[in-house]
Amino acid sequence: MFDTPDVYSWLTWALAGLGFVLGLQILGVSGLFTALVLVLLVVTGAAYLAGSRARNVLTRPDPRFKSTGEVFLDHASGKVMRVHVDKATGERRYWKDNG
């Protein structure tokens, strides 16, 4: 599966960022502006990392999933993808086609 942060991690970071901004608010407008820029940079970086993890494709399919024979070109990555389905749950997953 994907290695993405859970909701509690995001909540903790959001509360820490809010506390940081509120704490620097005592320093005045310039301190608050600097804090907001720093928080926006951190949030943007975290979102980029979480998104890149989610876009990674597993190289080894889960053995529960069997190929359906469907193949398509993923225009976002430029890779040929193969569709796999878990017969027990009906869940579909997409892995890079290795040939």
N, C-alpha and C. Protein backbone atom coordinates (compact mmCIF):
# COMPACT_ATOMS: atom_id res chain seq x y z
N MET A 1 0.84 -1.19 0.00
CA MET A 1 0.00 0.00 0.00
C MET A 1 0.88 1.24 0.00
N PHE A 2 0.26 2.37 -0.04
CA PHE A 2 1.00 3.63 -0.05
C PHE A 2 1.38 4.01 1.37
N ASP A 3 2.50 4.63 1.51
CA ASP A 3 2.99 5.07 2.81
C ASP A 3 2.59 6.52 3.01
N THR A 4 1.31 6.75 3.31
CA THR A 4 0.82 8.11 3.49
C THR A 4 0.55 8.39 4.95
N PRO A 5 0.72 9.63 5.37
CA PRO A 5 0.48 9.97 6.78
C PRO A 5 -1.00 9.81 7.13
N ASP A 6 -1.25 9.42 8.39
CA ASP A 6 -2.63 9.28 8.81
C ASP A 6 -3.21 10.63 9.21
N VAL A 7 -4.48 10.65 9.50
CA VAL A 7 -5.20 11.89 9.81
C VAL A 7 -4.63 12.56 11.06
N TYR A 8 -4.24 11.76 12.04
CA TYR A 8 -3.73 12.32 13.28
C TYR A 8 -2.40 13.06 13.08
N SER A 9 -1.58 12.56 12.17
CA SER A 9 -0.33 13.26 11.87
C SER A 9 -0.62 14.62 11.26
N TRP A 10 -1.56 14.66 10.31
CA TRP A 10 -1.93 15.93 9.68
C TRP A 10 -2.52 16.89 10.70
N LEU A 11 -3.36 16.37 11.60
CA LEU A 11 -3.96 17.22 12.63
C LEU A 11 -2.89 17.79 13.55
N THR A 12 -1.93 16.96 13.93
CA THR A 12 -0.85 17.42 14.80
C THR A 12 -0.04 18.52 14.13
N TRP A 13 0.29 18.32 12.86
CA TRP A 13 1.05 19.35 12.13
C TRP A 13 0.24 20.64 11.99
N ALA A 14 -1.05 20.50 11.74
CA ALA A 14 -1.89 21.69 11.60
C ALA A 14 -1.97 22.46 12.91
N LEU A 15 -2.13 21.75 14.01
CA LEU A 15 -2.19 22.41 15.32
C LEU A 15 -0.84 23.04 15.68
N ALA A 16 0.24 22.36 15.35
CA ALA A 16 1.57 22.92 15.62
C ALA A 16 1.79 24.19 14.81
N GLY A 17 1.38 24.15 13.54
CA GLY A 17 1.50 25.34 12.69
C GLY A 17 0.65 26.48 13.21
N LEU A 18 -0.56 26.18 13.63
CA LEU A 18 -1.44 27.21 14.19
C LEU A 18 -0.85 27.80 15.46
N GLY A 19 -0.31 26.95 16.33
CA GLY A 19 0.32 27.43 17.55
C GLY A 19 1.53 28.30 17.25
N PHE A 20 2.29 27.91 16.24
CA PHE A 20 3.46 28.68 15.83
C PHE A 20 3.05 30.07 15.36
N VAL A 21 2.03 30.11 14.50
CA VAL A 21 1.56 31.39 13.98
C VAL A 21 1.00 32.26 15.10
N LEU A 22 0.19 31.67 15.96
CA LEU A 22 -0.38 32.46 17.06
C LEU A 22 0.70 32.95 18.03
N GLY A 23 1.71 32.11 18.25
CA GLY A 23 2.80 32.52 19.12
C GLY A 23 3.61 33.67 18.55
N LEU A 24 3.81 33.67 17.25
CA LEU A 24 4.57 34.74 16.61
C LEU A 24 3.74 36.00 16.38
N GLN A 25 2.45 35.89 16.58
CA GLN A 25 1.60 37.05 16.38
C GLN A 25 1.95 38.17 17.36
N ILE A 26 2.50 37.83 18.47
CA ILE A 26 2.90 38.85 19.44
C ILE A 26 4.04 39.71 18.91
N LEU A 27 4.79 39.16 17.96
CA LEU A 27 5.92 39.90 17.41
C LEU A 27 5.49 41.00 16.43
N GLY A 28 4.25 41.00 16.03
CA GLY A 28 3.76 42.04 15.13
C GLY A 28 3.50 41.51 13.74
N VAL A 29 3.19 42.44 12.84
CA VAL A 29 2.79 42.08 11.48
C VAL A 29 3.93 41.41 10.72
N SER A 30 5.15 41.90 10.84
CA SER A 30 6.25 41.30 10.09
C SER A 30 6.55 39.88 10.57
N GLY A 31 6.45 39.65 11.87
CA GLY A 31 6.64 38.30 12.39
C GLY A 31 5.56 37.35 11.93
N LEU A 32 4.34 37.84 11.89
CA LEU A 32 3.21 37.03 11.44
C LEU A 32 3.35 36.69 9.96
N PHE A 33 3.76 37.67 9.15
CA PHE A 33 3.95 37.43 7.72
C PHE A 33 5.03 36.38 7.49
N THR A 34 6.13 36.50 8.22
CA THR A 34 7.22 35.52 8.10
C THR A 34 6.74 34.13 8.50
N ALA A 35 5.98 34.06 9.58
CA ALA A 35 5.46 32.77 10.04
C ALA A 35 4.52 32.17 9.01
N LEU A 36 3.66 32.97 8.43
CA LEU A 36 2.73 32.45 7.43
C LEU A 36 3.46 31.91 6.21
N VAL A 37 4.49 32.62 5.77
CA VAL A 37 5.27 32.15 4.63
C VAL A 37 5.93 30.81 4.96
N LEU A 38 6.50 30.69 6.17
CA LEU A 38 7.14 29.43 6.56
C LEU A 38 6.13 28.29 6.64
N VAL A 39 4.98 28.56 7.22
CA VAL A 39 3.95 27.52 7.34
C VAL A 39 3.46 27.10 5.95
N LEU A 40 3.26 28.05 5.05
CA LEU A 40 2.83 27.71 3.70
C LEU A 40 3.88 26.87 2.97
N LEU A 41 5.14 27.18 3.17
CA LEU A 41 6.21 26.37 2.56
C LEU A 41 6.20 24.94 3.09
N VAL A 42 6.03 24.79 4.40
CA VAL A 42 6.02 23.46 5.00
C VAL A 42 4.81 22.67 4.52
N VAL A 43 3.64 23.30 4.50
CA VAL A 43 2.42 22.61 4.06
C VAL A 43 2.53 22.23 2.59
N THR A 44 3.07 23.11 1.76
CA THR A 44 3.25 22.80 0.34
C THR A 44 4.21 21.63 0.16
N GLY A 45 5.30 21.64 0.90
CA GLY A 45 6.26 20.54 0.82
C GLY A 45 5.66 19.22 1.28
N ALA A 46 4.89 19.24 2.37
CA ALA A 46 4.24 18.03 2.86
C ALA A 46 3.22 17.51 1.86
N ALA A 47 2.47 18.40 1.25
CA ALA A 47 1.48 17.98 0.25
C ALA A 47 2.17 17.38 -0.97
N TYR A 48 3.29 17.97 -1.37
CA TYR A 48 4.04 17.44 -2.52
C TYR A 48 4.54 16.02 -2.22
N LEU A 49 5.10 15.82 -1.02
CA LEU A 49 5.62 14.51 -0.66
C LEU A 49 4.50 13.47 -0.57
N ALA A 50 3.38 13.85 0.04
CA ALA A 50 2.26 12.92 0.15
C ALA A 50 1.72 12.57 -1.23
N GLY A 51 1.65 13.57 -2.12
CA GLY A 51 1.17 13.31 -3.48
C GLY A 51 2.12 12.44 -4.27
N SER A 52 3.42 12.63 -4.10
CA SER A 52 4.37 11.81 -4.86
C SER A 52 4.35 10.38 -4.36
N ARG A 53 4.12 10.18 -3.07
CA ARG A 53 4.00 8.81 -2.56
C ARG A 53 2.77 8.14 -3.13
N ALA A 54 1.68 8.88 -3.22
CA ALA A 54 0.43 8.31 -3.74
C ALA A 54 0.54 8.00 -5.22
N ARG A 55 1.38 8.73 -5.94
CA ARG A 55 1.54 8.49 -7.38
C ARG A 55 2.48 7.33 -7.70
N ASN A 56 3.26 6.92 -6.70
CA ASN A 56 4.17 5.79 -6.95
C ASN A 56 3.38 4.53 -7.22
N VAL A 57 3.86 3.76 -8.14
CA VAL A 57 3.17 2.53 -8.51
C VAL A 57 3.95 1.35 -7.94
N LEU A 58 3.22 0.43 -7.32
CA LEU A 58 3.88 -0.76 -6.78
C LEU A 58 4.45 -1.59 -7.91
N THR A 59 5.63 -2.12 -7.72
CA THR A 59 6.25 -2.92 -8.77
C THR A 59 5.87 -4.39 -8.66
N ARG A 60 5.45 -4.83 -7.48
CA ARG A 60 5.09 -6.23 -7.28
C ARG A 60 3.62 -6.31 -6.87
N PRO A 61 2.73 -6.81 -7.73
CA PRO A 61 1.32 -6.87 -7.39
C PRO A 61 1.04 -7.79 -6.20
N ASP A 62 0.00 -7.46 -5.46
CA ASP A 62 -0.47 -8.27 -4.35
C ASP A 62 -1.00 -9.59 -4.92
N PRO A 63 -0.66 -10.74 -4.31
CA PRO A 63 -1.09 -12.03 -4.87
C PRO A 63 -2.61 -12.24 -4.87
N ARG A 64 -3.35 -11.49 -4.07
CA ARG A 64 -4.81 -11.61 -4.09
C ARG A 64 -5.41 -11.09 -5.39
N PHE A 65 -4.69 -10.21 -6.06
CA PHE A 65 -5.21 -9.55 -7.25
C PHE A 65 -4.76 -10.30 -8.50
N LYS A 66 -5.73 -10.60 -9.36
CA LYS A 66 -5.45 -11.30 -10.62
C LYS A 66 -5.67 -10.33 -11.77
N SER A 67 -4.85 -10.46 -12.80
CA SER A 67 -4.94 -9.59 -13.96
C SER A 67 -6.26 -9.83 -14.70
N THR A 68 -6.87 -8.73 -15.14
CA THR A 68 -8.12 -8.82 -15.92
C THR A 68 -7.84 -8.85 -17.42
N GLY A 69 -6.61 -8.58 -17.79
CA GLY A 69 -6.26 -8.50 -19.20
C GLY A 69 -6.44 -7.10 -19.77
N GLU A 70 -7.02 -6.20 -18.97
CA GLU A 70 -7.19 -4.81 -19.41
C GLU A 70 -5.86 -4.07 -19.30
N VAL A 71 -5.50 -3.34 -20.35
CA VAL A 71 -4.28 -2.56 -20.37
C VAL A 71 -4.62 -1.17 -20.92
N PHE A 72 -4.01 -0.13 -20.33
CA PHE A 72 -4.26 1.22 -20.82
C PHE A 72 -3.02 2.07 -20.61
N LEU A 73 -2.96 3.19 -21.31
CA LEU A 73 -1.85 4.13 -21.18
C LEU A 73 -2.25 5.21 -20.18
N ASP A 74 -1.48 5.33 -19.11
CA ASP A 74 -1.71 6.38 -18.11
C ASP A 74 -1.04 7.65 -18.64
N HIS A 75 -1.85 8.61 -19.04
CA HIS A 75 -1.31 9.83 -19.66
C HIS A 75 -0.54 10.68 -18.67
N ALA A 76 -0.85 10.59 -17.38
CA ALA A 76 -0.14 11.39 -16.37
C ALA A 76 1.31 10.93 -16.22
N SER A 77 1.53 9.61 -16.21
CA SER A 77 2.89 9.10 -16.03
C SER A 77 3.53 8.66 -17.34
N GLY A 78 2.71 8.46 -18.39
CA GLY A 78 3.23 7.98 -19.66
C GLY A 78 3.53 6.48 -19.65
N LYS A 79 3.05 5.76 -18.63
CA LYS A 79 3.33 4.33 -18.50
C LYS A 79 2.12 3.50 -18.90
N VAL A 80 2.40 2.30 -19.40
CA VAL A 80 1.33 1.35 -19.71
C VAL A 80 0.96 0.65 -18.40
N MET A 81 -0.33 0.65 -18.08
CA MET A 81 -0.82 0.09 -16.82
C MET A 81 -1.68 -1.13 -17.10
N ARG A 82 -1.66 -2.08 -16.16
CA ARG A 82 -2.48 -3.28 -16.25
C ARG A 82 -3.46 -3.28 -15.09
N VAL A 83 -4.71 -3.66 -15.35
CA VAL A 83 -5.77 -3.68 -14.34
C VAL A 83 -5.78 -5.04 -13.65
N HIS A 84 -5.81 -5.02 -12.30
CA HIS A 84 -5.92 -6.24 -11.49
C HIS A 84 -7.14 -6.11 -10.60
N VAL A 85 -7.79 -7.25 -10.32
CA VAL A 85 -8.98 -7.23 -9.48
C VAL A 85 -8.89 -8.33 -8.43
N ASP A 86 -9.40 -8.00 -7.22
CA ASP A 86 -9.53 -8.98 -6.15
C ASP A 86 -10.93 -9.57 -6.29
N LYS A 87 -11.03 -10.84 -6.65
CA LYS A 87 -12.34 -11.46 -6.91
C LYS A 87 -13.22 -11.47 -5.66
N ALA A 88 -12.60 -11.54 -4.48
CA ALA A 88 -13.39 -11.62 -3.24
C ALA A 88 -14.09 -10.30 -2.93
N THR A 89 -13.41 -9.17 -3.17
CA THR A 89 -13.98 -7.88 -2.80
C THR A 89 -14.41 -7.04 -3.99
N GLY A 90 -13.90 -7.35 -5.18
CA GLY A 90 -14.20 -6.55 -6.36
C GLY A 90 -13.31 -5.32 -6.48
N GLU A 91 -12.37 -5.15 -5.55
CA GLU A 91 -11.46 -4.00 -5.58
C GLU A 91 -10.54 -4.09 -6.78
N ARG A 92 -10.34 -2.95 -7.45
CA ARG A 92 -9.47 -2.89 -8.62
C ARG A 92 -8.21 -2.09 -8.27
N ARG A 93 -7.08 -2.56 -8.80
CA ARG A 93 -5.81 -1.84 -8.64
C ARG A 93 -5.11 -1.81 -9.98
N TYR A 94 -4.21 -0.84 -10.10
CA TYR A 94 -3.53 -0.60 -11.38
C TYR A 94 -2.03 -0.62 -11.14
N TRP A 95 -1.34 -1.53 -11.85
CA TRP A 95 0.11 -1.63 -11.75
C TRP A 95 0.74 -1.45 -13.11
N LYS A 96 1.99 -0.99 -13.07
CA LYS A 96 2.74 -0.81 -14.31
C LYS A 96 2.88 -2.16 -15.00
N ASP A 97 2.63 -2.18 -16.30
CA ASP A 97 2.74 -3.41 -17.08
C ASP A 97 4.21 -3.67 -17.37
N ASN A 98 4.67 -4.85 -16.99
CA ASN A 98 6.09 -5.19 -17.19
C ASN A 98 6.34 -5.97 -18.47
N GLY A 99 5.36 -6.04 -19.31
CA GLY A 99 5.60 -6.73 -20.58
C GLY A 99 4.47 -7.51 -20.98
